[in-house]
Amino acid sequence: MSREANLQDNAYVMSTDIKYKLASRIRELREKCGYTQEKLAELSGIDYKHIQLLEGKHPSSSKIDTLEKIAKAFKMSLSDFINFK
């Protein structure tokens, strides 16, 4: 396998890992705030089905502006929101 192909594979693995971390982070914060998926959707201006997809067993990818809307719904900055500990 070429170095370039190996880097692309690692980028995909990291991307998948980030999706799972984001899903967990959204669910964790939502439950901590006492929000349902519907309430988070309302507060963030994002469709309820999209929240379901982001938190699902196989989380979907998300755009940065979507993540920013979710962070604002939790009353936090985007950088704090995506700070995985």
C-alpha atoms as a PDB file:
ATOM      1  CA  MET A   1       0.000   0.000   0.000  1.00  0.00           C
ATOM      2  CA  SER A   2       1.334   3.435  -0.891  1.00  0.00           C
ATOM      3  CA  ARG A   3       1.913   6.064   1.775  1.00  0.00           C
ATOM      4  CA  GLU A   4      -0.818   8.236   0.222  1.00  0.00           C
ATOM      5  CA  ALA A   5      -3.366   5.403   0.333  1.00  0.00           C
ATOM      6  CA  ASN A   6      -2.393   4.669   3.935  1.00  0.00           C
ATOM      7  CA  LEU A   7      -2.910   8.331   4.893  1.00  0.00           C
ATOM      8  CA  GLN A   8      -6.322   8.312   3.220  1.00  0.00           C
ATOM      9  CA  ASP A   9      -7.289   5.175   5.144  1.00  0.00           C
ATOM     10  CA  ASN A  10      -6.187   6.786   8.413  1.00  0.00           C
ATOM     11  CA  ALA A  11      -8.172   9.927   7.576  1.00  0.00           C
ATOM     12  CA  TYR A  12     -11.272   7.789   7.059  1.00  0.00           C
ATOM     13  CA  VAL A  13     -10.748   5.994  10.366  1.00  0.00           C
ATOM     14  CA  MET A  14     -10.321   9.311  12.154  1.00  0.00           C
ATOM     15  CA  SER A  15     -13.417  10.687  10.468  1.00  0.00           C
ATOM     16  CA  THR A  16     -15.470   7.693  11.572  1.00  0.00           C
ATOM     17  CA  ASP A  17     -14.055   7.972  15.085  1.00  0.00           C
ATOM     18  CA  ILE A  18     -14.993  11.653  15.207  1.00  0.00           C
ATOM     19  CA  LYS A  19     -18.561  10.878  14.130  1.00  0.00           C
ATOM     20  CA  TYR A  20     -18.932   8.422  17.017  1.00  0.00           C
ATOM     21  CA  LYS A  21     -17.391  10.888  19.467  1.00  0.00           C
ATOM     22  CA  LEU A  22     -19.765  13.612  18.272  1.00  0.00           C
ATOM     23  CA  ALA A  23     -22.753  11.295  18.588  1.00  0.00           C
ATOM     24  CA  SER A  24     -21.762  10.461  22.138  1.00  0.00           C
ATOM     25  CA  ARG A  25     -21.094  14.104  22.989  1.00  0.00           C
ATOM     26  CA  ILE A  26     -24.466  15.271  21.653  1.00  0.00           C
ATOM     27  CA  ARG A  27     -26.317  12.532  23.540  1.00  0.00           C
ATOM     28  CA  GLU A  28     -24.341  13.194  26.750  1.00  0.00           C
ATOM     29  CA  LEU A  29     -25.007  16.940  26.713  1.00  0.00           C
ATOM     30  CA  ARG A  30     -28.619  16.528  25.646  1.00  0.00           C
ATOM     31  CA  GLU A  31     -29.342  14.153  28.518  1.00  0.00           C
ATOM     32  CA  LYS A  32     -27.395  16.331  30.990  1.00  0.00           C
ATOM     33  CA  CYS A  33     -29.553  19.318  29.980  1.00  0.00           C
ATOM     34  CA  GLY A  34     -32.730  17.235  30.198  1.00  0.00           C
ATOM     35  CA  TYR A  35     -33.529  17.776  26.508  1.00  0.00           C
ATOM     36  CA  THR A  36     -35.335  15.344  24.278  1.00  0.00           C
ATOM     37  CA  GLN A  37     -34.161  15.044  20.691  1.00  0.00           C
ATOM     38  CA  GLU A  38     -37.220  17.078  19.739  1.00  0.00           C
ATOM     39  CA  LYS A  39     -36.309  19.864  22.189  1.00  0.00           C
ATOM     40  CA  LEU A  40     -32.715  19.971  20.945  1.00  0.00           C
ATOM     41  CA  ALA A  41     -34.011  20.152  17.379  1.00  0.00           C
ATOM     42  CA  GLU A  42     -36.280  23.054  18.321  1.00  0.00           C
ATOM     43  CA  LEU A  43     -33.533  24.959  20.158  1.00  0.00           C
ATOM     44  CA  SER A  44     -30.960  24.443  17.419  1.00  0.00           C
ATOM     45  CA  GLY A  45     -33.240  24.943  14.425  1.00  0.00           C
ATOM     46  CA  ILE A  46     -32.209  21.557  13.062  1.00  0.00           C
ATOM     47  CA  ASP A  47     -34.687  18.960  11.873  1.00  0.00           C
ATOM     48  CA  TYR A  48     -35.491  16.319  14.481  1.00  0.00           C
ATOM     49  CA  LYS A  49     -34.620  13.521  12.050  1.00  0.00           C
ATOM     50  CA  HIS A  50     -31.162  15.018  11.561  1.00  0.00           C
ATOM     51  CA  ILE A  51     -30.570  14.962  15.338  1.00  0.00           C
ATOM     52  CA  GLN A  52     -31.585  11.289  15.289  1.00  0.00           C
ATOM     53  CA  LEU A  53     -29.086  10.589  12.507  1.00  0.00           C
ATOM     54  CA  LEU A  54     -26.294  12.414  14.330  1.00  0.00           C
ATOM     55  CA  GLU A  55     -26.902  10.409  17.516  1.00  0.00           C
ATOM     56  CA  GLY A  56     -27.678   7.114  15.808  1.00  0.00           C
ATOM     57  CA  LYS A  57     -25.902   3.779  15.813  1.00  0.00           C
ATOM     58  CA  HIS A  58     -24.133   4.754  12.568  1.00  0.00           C
ATOM     59  CA  PRO A  59     -23.848   8.547  12.920  1.00  0.00           C
ATOM     60  CA  SER A  60     -23.993  10.685   9.825  1.00  0.00           C
ATOM     61  CA  SER A  61     -21.445  13.323   8.928  1.00  0.00           C
ATOM     62  CA  SER A  62     -22.204  16.882   9.874  1.00  0.00           C
ATOM     63  CA  LYS A  63     -21.316  20.304   8.576  1.00  0.00           C
ATOM     64  CA  ILE A  64     -19.569  22.781  10.812  1.00  0.00           C
ATOM     65  CA  ASP A  65     -22.551  25.168  10.777  1.00  0.00           C
ATOM     66  CA  THR A  66     -24.798  22.353  12.042  1.00  0.00           C
ATOM     67  CA  LEU A  67     -22.393  21.672  14.891  1.00  0.00           C
ATOM     68  CA  GLU A  68     -22.315  25.381  15.681  1.00  0.00           C
ATOM     69  CA  LYS A  69     -26.135  25.462  15.931  1.00  0.00           C
ATOM     70  CA  ILE A  70     -26.089  22.490  18.292  1.00  0.00           C
ATOM     71  CA  ALA A  71     -23.356  24.095  20.415  1.00  0.00           C
ATOM     72  CA  LYS A  72     -25.424  27.281  20.686  1.00  0.00           C
ATOM     73  CA  ALA A  73     -28.441  25.239  21.784  1.00  0.00           C
ATOM     74  CA  PHE A  74     -26.263  23.961  24.637  1.00  0.00           C
ATOM     75  CA  LYS A  75     -25.123  27.557  25.324  1.00  0.00           C
ATOM     76  CA  MET A  76     -21.489  26.785  24.640  1.00  0.00           C
ATOM     77  CA  SER A  77     -18.854  27.660  22.095  1.00  0.00           C
ATOM     78  CA  LEU A  78     -18.146  25.314  19.225  1.00  0.00           C
ATOM     79  CA  SER A  79     -14.634  24.708  20.552  1.00  0.00           C
ATOM     80  CA  ASP A  80     -16.018  23.651  23.973  1.00  0.00           C
ATOM     81  CA  PHE A  81     -18.627  21.481  22.272  1.00  0.00           C
ATOM     82  CA  ILE A  82     -16.098  19.523  20.248  1.00  0.00           C
ATOM     83  CA  ASN A  83     -13.587  19.262  23.089  1.00  0.00           C
ATOM     84  CA  PHE A  84     -13.582  15.485  23.526  1.00  0.00           C
ATOM     85  CA  LYS A  85     -12.116  14.516  26.878  1.00  0.00           C
END
